[in-house]
Every structure is written in C-alpha cells, then in structure tokens.
Amino acid sequence: MGRHITSVCVLCRRERVKLYLKGNRCLTSKCAIEQKRLGPGQHGAEFKKVSDYGMQLREKQKLRRYYLMMERPFLRQFMRAVRTKGKTGEVFLRNLELRLDSVVFRLGLAPSRRAARQIISHGHVAINNRKVDVPSAQLRVGDVVKIREGHNLQTVKGSVEAAKQRKSVPEWLDLAPEKLSGKVIRLPERTEIPVPVQEQQIVEFYSK
C-alpha cells in the first residue's frame, strides 16, 4: 500500500495554501506557509502562469494531498461519486469527509489526519463497537466512532480539548468528549466542508 513518506510541509508549499497536515503546528507561526512563501525546494521558486489544464491538475492534487490519498483510491472515490445521484463535486467531497480517518480528525480525536490514520491502522478505533483498522472505511449516518481502551487516552483527551477550545467540531458530527467518541448525525453540506478547492475543476479534469 502506498503512503506519504516526504515532509508534509512540502505539500503545503507546493499548493501555496495551508492543508493542515501537521495539526496544531499549522495554527502557529511555525507553519511552513507562514515562514516560506515560495515554492518547495532548497531555494524555492516562483510559480508561472498555468493553462486551464494546469489549474485543474493543481486543484486535483491539492484535494488529494489534503486528504493524504494516493491517486488510485482517490480516483475510485471520484468514480463512486459519478455513479451517485447529486452534484458530482459535492458528493465527492462529502464521501471524502465521511472516510473514517477524516471523521476521527474532524472530531478532534487526533491532531491531524496522519495521526488519525496511524491510530486507526494500529487498531485503536471502533465503529459501532467493532474494531476497524482501515482508515478508508466509509461511514454512514448513525455510525458511532470510539477510541478503544488501551490507546494513549491522555493524548486523545488533549487533542479533544484543543478541538473544543477552537470550536472546530462540525455540526454534522456529535462529539461525546467524556466517552472519547462521536456520531455522524447527518450528511455534511458543502458549506460545512472547509476544503480550499474548486471541486468543479476536478470534475472537469477527470471528464477529459
């Protein structure tokens, strides 16, 4: 299975926008975007004007990196959205938000998506009281996500408290901080998905 092994800060610098891949660090002055406004590389590079295709490609890459996904599963998610009734771009984003690793991150049970993926793959998360170790597991309305006993609960509690203070838990999720669990109470609207992309550009990219 493919995985990202490079510095995630390079990804943010390449897309010239915060992708919030390092959790709380992204909210401080230590963020790479705050310190290095040029492109990635030892000396950085200014970005030249790009074509329409280049803009669509950048939007696709930005979204893929935001969710830390490889190209093949990312494309599978898109094709699934194409077969679903509704606006393809919005359905696509909604399905990405309903991935287990994304929900664990949105609930504040992990400080970043990368941390959420690690917690899940190590078997510390349960869906409806059943252990799940697949970060890409798709959740549905009514599913309950919970941190299982045995994990470093103090770390999780600290992450939950930080999320509560920032008021970053979306309204389509219901967090029970004392139980270290959360529930999907409804599907997210597009306005509730704070992803800095133009999803229609991605639809056009894959429609070529």
N, C-alpha and C. Protein backbone atom coordinates (compact mmCIF):
# COMPACT_ATOMS: atom_id res chain seq x y z
N MET A 1 0.84 -1.19 0.00
CA MET A 1 0.00 0.00 0.00
C MET A 1 0.88 1.24 0.00
N GLY A 2 0.60 2.20 -0.90
CA GLY A 2 1.38 3.42 -0.97
C GLY A 2 1.14 4.31 0.24
N ARG A 3 2.15 5.08 0.59
CA ARG A 3 1.99 6.01 1.69
C ARG A 3 2.92 7.20 1.48
N HIS A 4 2.61 8.30 2.12
CA HIS A 4 3.41 9.51 2.00
C HIS A 4 4.59 9.43 2.98
N ILE A 5 5.82 9.60 2.46
CA ILE A 5 7.00 9.50 3.32
C ILE A 5 7.78 10.80 3.32
N THR A 6 7.38 11.76 2.51
CA THR A 6 8.09 13.04 2.48
C THR A 6 7.49 13.99 3.52
N SER A 7 8.16 15.11 3.73
CA SER A 7 7.65 16.13 4.65
C SER A 7 6.33 16.69 4.11
N VAL A 8 5.31 16.68 4.96
CA VAL A 8 4.02 17.17 4.50
C VAL A 8 4.03 18.68 4.30
N CYS A 9 4.97 19.37 4.93
CA CYS A 9 5.07 20.82 4.74
C CYS A 9 5.41 21.16 3.29
N VAL A 10 6.13 20.28 2.62
CA VAL A 10 6.46 20.49 1.21
C VAL A 10 5.18 20.51 0.38
N LEU A 11 4.21 19.68 0.75
CA LEU A 11 2.95 19.62 0.01
C LEU A 11 2.20 20.94 0.12
N CYS A 12 2.19 21.52 1.32
CA CYS A 12 1.52 22.81 1.51
C CYS A 12 2.21 23.90 0.69
N ARG A 13 3.54 23.89 0.70
CA ARG A 13 4.28 24.91 -0.03
C ARG A 13 4.07 24.77 -1.53
N ARG A 14 3.94 23.53 -1.99
CA ARG A 14 3.70 23.31 -3.43
C ARG A 14 2.34 23.85 -3.86
N GLU A 15 1.34 23.67 -3.00
CA GLU A 15 0.00 24.14 -3.34
C GLU A 15 -0.25 25.58 -2.91
N ARG A 16 0.69 26.15 -2.19
CA ARG A 16 0.62 27.55 -1.76
C ARG A 16 -0.60 27.84 -0.89
N VAL A 17 -0.99 26.86 -0.11
CA VAL A 17 -2.14 27.03 0.79
C VAL A 17 -1.98 26.05 1.95
N LYS A 18 -2.50 26.42 3.10
CA LYS A 18 -2.43 25.52 4.25
C LYS A 18 -3.35 24.32 4.05
N LEU A 19 -2.78 23.12 4.14
CA LEU A 19 -3.56 21.89 4.04
C LEU A 19 -3.79 21.27 5.42
N TYR A 20 -3.26 21.90 6.45
CA TYR A 20 -3.43 21.47 7.84
C TYR A 20 -3.07 20.00 8.03
N LEU A 21 -1.87 19.67 7.58
CA LEU A 21 -1.40 18.28 7.66
C LEU A 21 -0.57 18.01 8.91
N LYS A 22 -0.23 19.06 9.67
CA LYS A 22 0.57 18.87 10.88
C LYS A 22 -0.18 19.30 12.14
N GLY A 23 -1.49 19.28 12.08
CA GLY A 23 -2.28 19.55 13.27
C GLY A 23 -2.09 20.95 13.82
N ASN A 24 -1.85 21.04 15.13
CA ASN A 24 -1.76 22.33 15.82
C ASN A 24 -0.60 23.20 15.31
N ARG A 25 0.44 22.59 14.78
CA ARG A 25 1.59 23.37 14.28
C ARG A 25 1.15 24.31 13.15
N CYS A 26 0.16 23.88 12.38
CA CYS A 26 -0.32 24.68 11.26
C CYS A 26 -1.01 25.96 11.71
N LEU A 27 -1.38 26.01 12.99
CA LEU A 27 -2.08 27.18 13.53
C LEU A 27 -1.13 28.18 14.16
N THR A 28 0.17 27.88 14.13
CA THR A 28 1.17 28.75 14.75
C THR A 28 2.05 29.40 13.69
N SER A 29 2.95 30.26 14.16
CA SER A 29 3.87 30.94 13.25
C SER A 29 4.95 30.00 12.71
N LYS A 30 5.01 28.78 13.22
CA LYS A 30 5.98 27.80 12.74
C LYS A 30 5.56 27.14 11.44
N CYS A 31 4.32 27.38 11.03
CA CYS A 31 3.81 26.79 9.79
C CYS A 31 4.71 27.18 8.62
N ALA A 32 4.97 26.22 7.73
CA ALA A 32 5.87 26.46 6.59
C ALA A 32 5.32 27.54 5.67
N ILE A 33 4.01 27.64 5.55
CA ILE A 33 3.41 28.66 4.69
C ILE A 33 3.69 30.06 5.26
N GLU A 34 3.70 30.16 6.58
CA GLU A 34 3.97 31.45 7.21
C GLU A 34 5.43 31.86 7.06
N GLN A 35 6.32 30.89 7.06
CA GLN A 35 7.75 31.18 7.03
C GLN A 35 8.33 31.20 5.62
N LYS A 36 7.80 30.35 4.73
CA LYS A 36 8.37 30.21 3.39
C LYS A 36 7.25 30.36 2.37
N ARG A 37 7.17 31.51 1.74
CA ARG A 37 6.05 31.79 0.84
C ARG A 37 6.35 31.38 -0.60
N LEU A 38 7.58 30.94 -0.87
CA LEU A 38 7.91 30.48 -2.21
C LEU A 38 7.63 28.99 -2.33
N GLY A 39 7.85 28.46 -3.53
CA GLY A 39 7.58 27.06 -3.76
C GLY A 39 8.56 26.15 -3.06
N PRO A 40 8.36 24.82 -3.14
CA PRO A 40 9.24 23.87 -2.46
C PRO A 40 10.62 23.80 -3.11
N GLY A 41 11.55 23.20 -2.41
CA GLY A 41 12.91 23.10 -2.93
C GLY A 41 13.85 23.90 -2.06
N GLN A 42 15.13 23.72 -2.26
CA GLN A 42 16.13 24.38 -1.42
C GLN A 42 16.03 25.90 -1.51
N HIS A 43 15.82 26.41 -2.72
CA HIS A 43 15.79 27.85 -2.91
C HIS A 43 14.39 28.38 -3.20
N GLY A 44 13.44 27.47 -3.36
CA GLY A 44 12.10 27.92 -3.69
C GLY A 44 12.02 28.35 -5.14
N ALA A 45 10.81 28.61 -5.60
CA ALA A 45 10.63 29.01 -6.99
C ALA A 45 9.31 29.75 -7.14
N GLU A 46 9.33 30.79 -7.95
CA GLU A 46 8.10 31.49 -8.24
C GLU A 46 7.27 30.65 -9.21
N PHE A 47 5.95 30.76 -9.11
CA PHE A 47 5.08 29.99 -9.97
C PHE A 47 4.71 30.79 -11.21
N LYS A 48 4.82 30.17 -12.35
CA LYS A 48 4.49 30.84 -13.60
C LYS A 48 3.00 30.64 -13.90
N LYS A 49 2.52 31.41 -14.86
CA LYS A 49 1.13 31.30 -15.28
C LYS A 49 0.89 29.91 -15.85
N VAL A 50 -0.23 29.29 -15.48
CA VAL A 50 -0.52 27.93 -15.93
C VAL A 50 -1.75 27.92 -16.82
N SER A 51 -1.89 26.86 -17.61
CA SER A 51 -3.03 26.70 -18.51
C SER A 51 -4.26 26.26 -17.73
N ASP A 52 -5.40 26.16 -18.41
CA ASP A 52 -6.62 25.68 -17.78
C ASP A 52 -6.43 24.26 -17.26
N TYR A 53 -5.75 23.43 -18.07
CA TYR A 53 -5.47 22.06 -17.63
C TYR A 53 -4.59 22.06 -16.39
N GLY A 54 -3.59 22.94 -16.37
CA GLY A 54 -2.72 23.03 -15.21
C GLY A 54 -3.46 23.44 -13.95
N MET A 55 -4.41 24.35 -14.09
CA MET A 55 -5.22 24.77 -12.94
C MET A 55 -6.07 23.62 -12.42
N GLN A 56 -6.65 22.85 -13.34
CA GLN A 56 -7.46 21.70 -12.94
C GLN A 56 -6.59 20.65 -12.25
N LEU A 57 -5.40 20.43 -12.79
CA LEU A 57 -4.48 19.47 -12.18
C LEU A 57 -4.09 19.90 -10.78
N ARG A 58 -3.82 21.19 -10.58
CA ARG A 58 -3.43 21.69 -9.26
C ARG A 58 -4.56 21.52 -8.26
N GLU A 59 -5.80 21.76 -8.68
CA GLU A 59 -6.93 21.59 -7.78
C GLU A 59 -7.08 20.12 -7.38
N LYS A 60 -6.87 19.24 -8.34
CA LYS A 60 -6.95 17.80 -8.05
C LYS A 60 -5.86 17.37 -7.09
N GLN A 61 -4.64 17.83 -7.34
CA GLN A 61 -3.53 17.48 -6.48
C GLN A 61 -3.70 18.06 -5.08
N LYS A 62 -4.22 19.29 -5.01
CA LYS A 62 -4.45 19.94 -3.72
C LYS A 62 -5.43 19.11 -2.87
N LEU A 63 -6.54 18.68 -3.49
CA LEU A 63 -7.54 17.91 -2.74
C LEU A 63 -6.98 16.55 -2.34
N ARG A 64 -6.26 15.91 -3.24
CA ARG A 64 -5.68 14.60 -2.94
C ARG A 64 -4.70 14.68 -1.78
N ARG A 65 -3.91 15.73 -1.76
CA ARG A 65 -2.94 15.91 -0.68
C ARG A 65 -3.61 16.34 0.61
N TYR A 66 -4.70 17.08 0.51
CA TYR A 66 -5.44 17.50 1.70
C TYR A 66 -5.91 16.28 2.49
N TYR A 67 -6.35 15.25 1.77
CA TYR A 67 -6.82 14.03 2.42
C TYR A 67 -5.75 12.93 2.49
N LEU A 68 -4.53 13.26 2.07
CA LEU A 68 -3.40 12.33 2.11
C LEU A 68 -3.73 11.00 1.42
N MET A 69 -4.25 11.10 0.20
CA MET A 69 -4.63 9.90 -0.55
C MET A 69 -3.73 9.71 -1.77
N MET A 70 -3.53 8.47 -2.14
CA MET A 70 -2.82 8.16 -3.37
C MET A 70 -3.80 8.26 -4.54
N GLU A 71 -3.26 8.29 -5.75
CA GLU A 71 -4.09 8.56 -6.92
C GLU A 71 -5.17 7.50 -7.18
N ARG A 72 -4.83 6.23 -7.02
CA ARG A 72 -5.80 5.19 -7.39
C ARG A 72 -7.03 5.19 -6.49
N PRO A 73 -6.89 5.17 -5.15
CA PRO A 73 -8.09 5.24 -4.31
C PRO A 73 -8.84 6.56 -4.45
N PHE A 74 -8.10 7.62 -4.75
CA PHE A 74 -8.73 8.93 -4.97
C PHE A 74 -9.65 8.87 -6.19
N LEU A 75 -9.16 8.25 -7.25
CA LEU A 75 -9.96 8.11 -8.47
C LEU A 75 -11.16 7.20 -8.24
N ARG A 76 -10.98 6.15 -7.45
CA ARG A 76 -12.10 5.26 -7.15
C ARG A 76 -13.21 6.03 -6.43
N GLN A 77 -12.82 6.89 -5.51
CA GLN A 77 -13.81 7.70 -4.80
C GLN A 77 -14.55 8.61 -5.77
N PHE A 78 -13.82 9.16 -6.73
CA PHE A 78 -14.46 10.05 -7.70
C PHE A 78 -15.46 9.27 -8.56
N MET A 79 -15.08 8.10 -9.03
CA MET A 79 -15.98 7.31 -9.87
C MET A 79 -17.21 6.88 -9.08
N ARG A 80 -17.05 6.66 -7.80
CA ARG A 80 -18.20 6.35 -6.97
C ARG A 80 -19.15 7.53 -6.89
N ALA A 81 -18.58 8.74 -6.81
CA ALA A 81 -19.40 9.95 -6.77
C ALA A 81 -20.15 10.15 -8.09
N VAL A 82 -19.50 9.80 -9.19
CA VAL A 82 -20.14 9.94 -10.51
C VAL A 82 -21.40 9.08 -10.58
N ARG A 83 -21.35 7.90 -9.97
CA ARG A 83 -22.49 6.98 -10.01
C ARG A 83 -23.58 7.32 -8.99
N THR A 84 -23.33 8.33 -8.14
CA THR A 84 -24.28 8.69 -7.10
C THR A 84 -25.11 9.90 -7.53
N LYS A 85 -26.38 9.90 -7.19
CA LYS A 85 -27.26 10.99 -7.56
C LYS A 85 -26.84 12.27 -6.83
N GLY A 86 -26.87 13.39 -7.56
CA GLY A 86 -26.48 14.68 -6.98
C GLY A 86 -25.34 15.32 -7.75
N LYS A 87 -24.89 16.49 -7.30
CA LYS A 87 -23.77 17.16 -7.93
C LYS A 87 -22.49 16.38 -7.65
N THR A 88 -21.83 15.95 -8.71
CA THR A 88 -20.66 15.08 -8.56
C THR A 88 -19.60 15.66 -7.63
N GLY A 89 -19.28 16.93 -7.81
CA GLY A 89 -18.23 17.54 -6.98
C GLY A 89 -18.58 17.54 -5.50
N GLU A 90 -19.82 17.90 -5.17
CA GLU A 90 -20.24 17.95 -3.77
C GLU A 90 -20.33 16.55 -3.17
N VAL A 91 -20.84 15.60 -3.94
CA VAL A 91 -20.91 14.22 -3.46
C VAL A 91 -19.51 13.68 -3.22
N PHE A 92 -18.59 14.02 -4.11
CA PHE A 92 -17.19 13.59 -3.97
C PHE A 92 -16.60 14.08 -2.66
N LEU A 93 -16.75 15.37 -2.38
CA LEU A 93 -16.22 15.94 -1.14
C LEU A 93 -16.88 15.32 0.08
N ARG A 94 -18.19 15.09 -0.01
CA ARG A 94 -18.91 14.50 1.12
C ARG A 94 -18.39 13.11 1.42
N ASN A 95 -18.14 12.32 0.37
CA ASN A 95 -17.63 10.96 0.59
C ASN A 95 -16.24 10.98 1.21
N LEU A 96 -15.41 11.95 0.80
CA LEU A 96 -14.07 12.07 1.38
C LEU A 96 -14.15 12.45 2.85
N GLU A 97 -15.10 13.32 3.20
CA GLU A 97 -15.27 13.72 4.60
C GLU A 97 -15.77 12.56 5.46
N LEU A 98 -16.50 11.63 4.86
CA LEU A 98 -17.07 10.51 5.61
C LEU A 98 -16.12 9.32 5.73
N ARG A 99 -14.90 9.46 5.23
CA ARG A 99 -13.90 8.43 5.49
C ARG A 99 -13.58 8.41 6.98
N LEU A 100 -13.24 7.25 7.49
CA LEU A 100 -13.00 7.10 8.92
C LEU A 100 -11.88 8.01 9.41
N ASP A 101 -10.77 8.07 8.67
CA ASP A 101 -9.65 8.91 9.13
C ASP A 101 -10.04 10.38 9.19
N SER A 102 -10.87 10.82 8.24
CA SER A 102 -11.31 12.20 8.23
C SER A 102 -12.25 12.50 9.39
N VAL A 103 -13.17 11.58 9.69
CA VAL A 103 -14.11 11.77 10.79
C VAL A 103 -13.38 11.80 12.13
N VAL A 104 -12.41 10.90 12.30
CA VAL A 104 -11.62 10.89 13.55
C VAL A 104 -10.91 12.22 13.72
N PHE A 105 -10.37 12.76 12.63
CA PHE A 105 -9.70 14.06 12.68
C PHE A 105 -10.69 15.19 12.97
N ARG A 106 -11.83 15.19 12.29
CA ARG A 106 -12.82 16.25 12.49
C ARG A 106 -13.37 16.26 13.91
N LEU A 107 -13.49 15.08 14.51
CA LEU A 107 -13.98 15.00 15.89
C LEU A 107 -12.96 15.50 16.90
N GLY A 108 -11.70 15.62 16.46
CA GLY A 108 -10.66 16.05 17.37
C GLY A 108 -10.04 14.90 18.13
N LEU A 109 -10.33 13.67 17.72
CA LEU A 109 -9.75 12.50 18.39
C LEU A 109 -8.29 12.30 18.00
N ALA A 110 -7.84 13.05 17.00
CA ALA A 110 -6.43 13.03 16.58
C ALA A 110 -6.08 14.44 16.13
N PRO A 111 -4.85 14.88 16.34
CA PRO A 111 -4.46 16.25 15.99
C PRO A 111 -4.31 16.51 14.50
N SER A 112 -4.16 15.45 13.71
CA SER A 112 -4.01 15.61 12.26
C SER A 112 -4.53 14.35 11.57
N ARG A 113 -4.68 14.43 10.24
CA ARG A 113 -5.15 13.25 9.50
C ARG A 113 -4.11 12.14 9.54
N ARG A 114 -2.85 12.51 9.47
CA ARG A 114 -1.80 11.49 9.52
C ARG A 114 -1.84 10.76 10.85
N ALA A 115 -2.04 11.50 11.95
CA ALA A 115 -2.15 10.87 13.27
C ALA A 115 -3.40 10.00 13.34
N ALA A 116 -4.49 10.47 12.72
CA ALA A 116 -5.73 9.69 12.71
C ALA A 116 -5.53 8.36 11.98
N ARG A 117 -4.84 8.40 10.86
CA ARG A 117 -4.58 7.18 10.10
C ARG A 117 -3.75 6.19 10.92
N GLN A 118 -2.78 6.71 11.67
CA GLN A 118 -1.93 5.84 12.48
C GLN A 118 -2.74 5.20 13.60
N ILE A 119 -3.57 6.00 14.28
CA ILE A 119 -4.40 5.46 15.36
C ILE A 119 -5.31 4.35 14.84
N ILE A 120 -5.89 4.58 13.67
CA ILE A 120 -6.82 3.59 13.10
C ILE A 120 -6.09 2.33 12.68
N SER A 121 -4.98 2.48 11.94
CA SER A 121 -4.26 1.31 11.44
C SER A 121 -3.67 0.47 12.56
N HIS A 122 -3.46 1.07 13.74
CA HIS A 122 -2.96 0.32 14.89
C HIS A 122 -4.09 -0.34 15.69
N GLY A 123 -5.32 -0.19 15.21
CA GLY A 123 -6.44 -0.90 15.82
C GLY A 123 -7.03 -0.25 17.06
N HIS A 124 -6.87 1.07 17.19
CA HIS A 124 -7.35 1.74 18.40
C HIS A 124 -8.73 2.39 18.23
N VAL A 125 -9.36 2.17 17.07
CA VAL A 125 -10.65 2.80 16.79
C VAL A 125 -11.71 1.74 16.51
N ALA A 126 -12.92 2.01 16.97
CA ALA A 126 -14.04 1.10 16.73
C ALA A 126 -15.20 1.86 16.11
N ILE A 127 -15.91 1.19 15.21
CA ILE A 127 -17.14 1.74 14.63
C ILE A 127 -18.29 0.88 15.11
N ASN A 128 -19.23 1.49 15.81
CA ASN A 128 -20.37 0.74 16.37
C ASN A 128 -19.89 -0.46 17.20
N ASN A 129 -18.86 -0.19 18.02
CA ASN A 129 -18.29 -1.19 18.94
C ASN A 129 -17.56 -2.33 18.24
N ARG A 130 -17.24 -2.16 16.97
CA ARG A 130 -16.47 -3.17 16.25
C ARG A 130 -15.14 -2.57 15.81
N LYS A 131 -14.05 -3.26 16.15
CA LYS A 131 -12.72 -2.77 15.81
C LYS A 131 -12.56 -2.64 14.29
N VAL A 132 -12.02 -1.50 13.85
CA VAL A 132 -11.76 -1.26 12.43
C VAL A 132 -10.35 -0.69 12.29
N ASP A 133 -9.55 -1.28 11.41
CA ASP A 133 -8.18 -0.80 11.23
C ASP A 133 -7.93 -0.33 9.79
N VAL A 134 -9.00 0.07 9.10
CA VAL A 134 -8.90 0.56 7.72
C VAL A 134 -9.25 2.04 7.68
N PRO A 135 -8.28 2.92 7.50
CA PRO A 135 -8.56 4.37 7.52
C PRO A 135 -9.57 4.82 6.47
N SER A 136 -9.67 4.08 5.36
CA SER A 136 -10.57 4.49 4.28
C SER A 136 -12.00 3.99 4.46
N ALA A 137 -12.30 3.32 5.58
CA ALA A 137 -13.65 2.83 5.81
C ALA A 137 -14.66 3.97 5.70
N GLN A 138 -15.76 3.72 4.99
CA GLN A 138 -16.75 4.76 4.75
C GLN A 138 -17.84 4.71 5.83
N LEU A 139 -18.13 5.84 6.41
CA LEU A 139 -19.14 5.91 7.47
C LEU A 139 -20.48 6.35 6.91
N ARG A 140 -21.55 6.00 7.64
CA ARG A 140 -22.90 6.40 7.26
C ARG A 140 -23.55 7.13 8.43
N VAL A 141 -24.66 7.77 8.15
CA VAL A 141 -25.40 8.47 9.20
C VAL A 141 -25.81 7.47 10.28
N GLY A 142 -25.54 7.81 11.53
CA GLY A 142 -25.87 6.94 12.65
C GLY A 142 -24.69 6.16 13.18
N ASP A 143 -23.60 6.08 12.43
CA ASP A 143 -22.42 5.35 12.89
C ASP A 143 -21.75 6.08 14.06
N VAL A 144 -21.27 5.30 15.01
CA VAL A 144 -20.59 5.84 16.19
C VAL A 144 -19.12 5.43 16.16
N VAL A 145 -18.24 6.41 16.27
CA VAL A 145 -16.79 6.17 16.27
C VAL A 145 -16.28 6.37 17.69
N LYS A 146 -15.46 5.42 18.14
CA LYS A 146 -14.97 5.49 19.52
C LYS A 146 -13.53 5.01 19.60
N ILE A 147 -12.77 5.65 20.49
CA ILE A 147 -11.40 5.21 20.76
C ILE A 147 -11.45 4.03 21.73
N ARG A 148 -10.82 2.92 21.35
CA ARG A 148 -10.85 1.71 22.17
C ARG A 148 -9.89 1.84 23.35
N GLU A 149 -10.18 1.08 24.39
CA GLU A 149 -9.29 1.05 25.57
C GLU A 149 -7.93 0.50 25.16
N GLY A 150 -6.90 1.01 25.78
CA GLY A 150 -5.55 0.53 25.50
C GLY A 150 -4.69 1.54 24.78
N HIS A 151 -5.35 2.48 24.08
CA HIS A 151 -4.58 3.53 23.42
C HIS A 151 -4.17 4.57 24.46
N ASN A 152 -3.21 5.43 24.09
CA ASN A 152 -2.77 6.51 24.98
C ASN A 152 -3.90 7.54 25.09
N LEU A 153 -4.83 7.30 26.01
CA LEU A 153 -6.02 8.12 26.11
C LEU A 153 -5.71 9.56 26.49
N GLN A 154 -4.60 9.79 27.20
CA GLN A 154 -4.26 11.14 27.61
C GLN A 154 -3.98 12.01 26.39
N THR A 155 -3.32 11.42 25.39
CA THR A 155 -3.04 12.15 24.16
C THR A 155 -4.33 12.52 23.44
N VAL A 156 -5.24 11.55 23.38
CA VAL A 156 -6.52 11.79 22.72
C VAL A 156 -7.32 12.86 23.46
N LYS A 157 -7.32 12.79 24.79
CA LYS A 157 -8.05 13.78 25.58
C LYS A 157 -7.50 15.19 25.34
N GLY A 158 -6.19 15.30 25.23
CA GLY A 158 -5.59 16.60 24.96
C GLY A 158 -6.00 17.13 23.59
N SER A 159 -6.07 16.23 22.60
CA SER A 159 -6.48 16.63 21.26
C SER A 159 -7.95 17.06 21.25
N VAL A 160 -8.80 16.33 21.96
CA VAL A 160 -10.23 16.66 22.03
C VAL A 160 -10.43 18.01 22.70
N GLU A 161 -9.69 18.26 23.76
CA GLU A 161 -9.82 19.53 24.47
C GLU A 161 -9.41 20.69 23.57
N ALA A 162 -8.34 20.49 22.81
CA ALA A 162 -7.90 21.55 21.89
C ALA A 162 -8.94 21.81 20.82
N ALA A 163 -9.59 20.75 20.32
CA ALA A 163 -10.63 20.90 19.30
C ALA A 163 -11.84 21.64 19.87
N LYS A 164 -12.18 21.35 21.13
CA LYS A 164 -13.30 22.02 21.78
C LYS A 164 -13.02 23.52 21.94
N GLN A 165 -11.81 23.86 22.32
CA GLN A 165 -11.45 25.26 22.51
C GLN A 165 -11.49 26.03 21.19
N ARG A 166 -11.11 25.35 20.10
CA ARG A 166 -11.14 26.00 18.78
C ARG A 166 -12.55 25.97 18.18
N LYS A 167 -13.44 25.19 18.81
CA LYS A 167 -14.81 25.00 18.30
C LYS A 167 -14.78 24.53 16.86
N SER A 168 -13.91 23.55 16.61
CA SER A 168 -13.69 23.08 15.25
C SER A 168 -14.47 21.83 14.88
N VAL A 169 -15.24 21.27 15.83
CA VAL A 169 -16.03 20.08 15.52
C VAL A 169 -17.25 20.51 14.71
N PRO A 170 -17.42 20.01 13.48
CA PRO A 170 -18.54 20.43 12.64
C PRO A 170 -19.90 20.00 13.20
N GLU A 171 -20.95 20.69 12.76
CA GLU A 171 -22.29 20.44 13.29
C GLU A 171 -22.88 19.12 12.84
N TRP A 172 -22.34 18.54 11.78
CA TRP A 172 -22.89 17.25 11.32
C TRP A 172 -22.34 16.07 12.13
N LEU A 173 -21.44 16.39 13.07
CA LEU A 173 -20.91 15.38 13.98
C LEU A 173 -21.29 15.73 15.41
N ASP A 174 -21.50 14.71 16.22
CA ASP A 174 -21.83 14.91 17.64
C ASP A 174 -20.72 14.29 18.48
N LEU A 175 -19.95 15.13 19.15
CA LEU A 175 -18.82 14.67 19.94
C LEU A 175 -19.23 14.44 21.39
N ALA A 176 -18.85 13.28 21.93
CA ALA A 176 -19.04 12.98 23.35
C ALA A 176 -17.65 12.92 23.97
N PRO A 177 -17.10 14.05 24.40
CA PRO A 177 -15.70 14.09 24.85
C PRO A 177 -15.40 13.19 26.04
N GLU A 178 -16.37 13.03 26.95
CA GLU A 178 -16.13 12.18 28.12
C GLU A 178 -16.01 10.71 27.75
N LYS A 179 -16.60 10.33 26.62
CA LYS A 179 -16.53 8.93 26.16
C LYS A 179 -15.49 8.74 25.06
N LEU A 180 -14.86 9.85 24.63
CA LEU A 180 -13.91 9.82 23.52
C LEU A 180 -14.55 9.14 22.30
N SER A 181 -15.74 9.60 21.98
CA SER A 181 -16.47 9.04 20.85
C SER A 181 -17.26 10.14 20.15
N GLY A 182 -17.76 9.82 18.99
CA GLY A 182 -18.56 10.77 18.23
C GLY A 182 -19.49 10.03 17.30
N LYS A 183 -20.51 10.73 16.84
CA LYS A 183 -21.53 10.11 16.00
C LYS A 183 -21.79 10.97 14.77
N VAL A 184 -22.01 10.31 13.64
CA VAL A 184 -22.40 11.01 12.41
C VAL A 184 -23.91 11.21 12.47
N ILE A 185 -24.36 12.45 12.68
CA ILE A 185 -25.79 12.68 12.86
C ILE A 185 -26.50 13.06 11.55
N ARG A 186 -25.74 13.50 10.57
CA ARG A 186 -26.31 13.80 9.26
C ARG A 186 -25.18 13.96 8.25
N LEU A 187 -25.55 14.06 6.98
CA LEU A 187 -24.55 14.26 5.94
C LEU A 187 -24.09 15.72 5.94
N PRO A 188 -22.82 15.97 5.70
CA PRO A 188 -22.33 17.36 5.68
C PRO A 188 -22.76 18.11 4.44
N GLU A 189 -23.04 19.40 4.60
CA GLU A 189 -23.30 20.27 3.46
C GLU A 189 -21.98 20.79 2.91
N ARG A 190 -22.00 21.30 1.68
CA ARG A 190 -20.76 21.82 1.08
C ARG A 190 -20.18 22.96 1.91
N THR A 191 -21.04 23.79 2.46
CA THR A 191 -20.57 24.93 3.26
C THR A 191 -19.92 24.50 4.57
N GLU A 192 -20.11 23.23 4.95
CA GLU A 192 -19.55 22.71 6.19
C GLU A 192 -18.26 21.93 5.96
N ILE A 193 -17.80 21.92 4.73
CA ILE A 193 -16.57 21.21 4.39
C ILE A 193 -15.51 22.26 4.06
N PRO A 194 -14.65 22.61 5.02
CA PRO A 194 -13.68 23.70 4.84
C PRO A 194 -12.46 23.28 4.02
N VAL A 195 -12.71 22.88 2.79
CA VAL A 195 -11.62 22.44 1.92
C VAL A 195 -11.39 23.51 0.87
N PRO A 196 -10.17 24.07 0.77
CA PRO A 196 -9.89 25.19 -0.14
C PRO A 196 -9.70 24.75 -1.59
N VAL A 197 -10.72 24.16 -2.19
CA VAL A 197 -10.62 23.72 -3.59
C VAL A 197 -11.88 24.11 -4.35
N GLN A 198 -11.73 24.15 -5.67
CA GLN A 198 -12.87 24.33 -6.56
C GLN A 198 -13.17 22.96 -7.15
N GLU A 199 -14.14 22.28 -6.56
CA GLU A 199 -14.40 20.90 -6.95
C GLU A 199 -14.82 20.73 -8.40
N GLN A 200 -15.43 21.77 -8.99
CA GLN A 200 -15.84 21.67 -10.39
C GLN A 200 -14.64 21.52 -11.31
N GLN A 201 -13.51 22.13 -10.92
CA GLN A 201 -12.29 21.99 -11.70
C GLN A 201 -11.82 20.54 -11.72
N ILE A 202 -12.02 19.84 -10.60
CA ILE A 202 -11.62 18.43 -10.52
C ILE A 202 -12.54 17.57 -11.38
N VAL A 203 -13.84 17.90 -11.35
CA VAL A 203 -14.80 17.17 -12.20
C VAL A 203 -14.42 17.33 -13.66
N GLU A 204 -14.06 18.53 -14.06
CA GLU A 204 -13.66 18.77 -15.46
C GLU A 204 -12.36 18.07 -15.78
N PHE A 205 -11.45 17.98 -14.82
CA PHE A 205 -10.17 17.30 -15.06
C PHE A 205 -10.41 15.83 -15.39
N TYR A 206 -11.24 15.16 -14.61
CA TYR A 206 -11.48 13.74 -14.84
C TYR A 206 -12.46 13.48 -15.97
N SER A 207 -13.11 14.53 -16.47
CA SER A 207 -14.07 14.36 -17.57
C SER A 207 -13.41 14.43 -18.93
N LYS A 208 -12.13 14.75 -18.97
CA LYS A 208 -11.42 14.88 -20.26
C LYS A 208 -11.22 13.53 -20.93
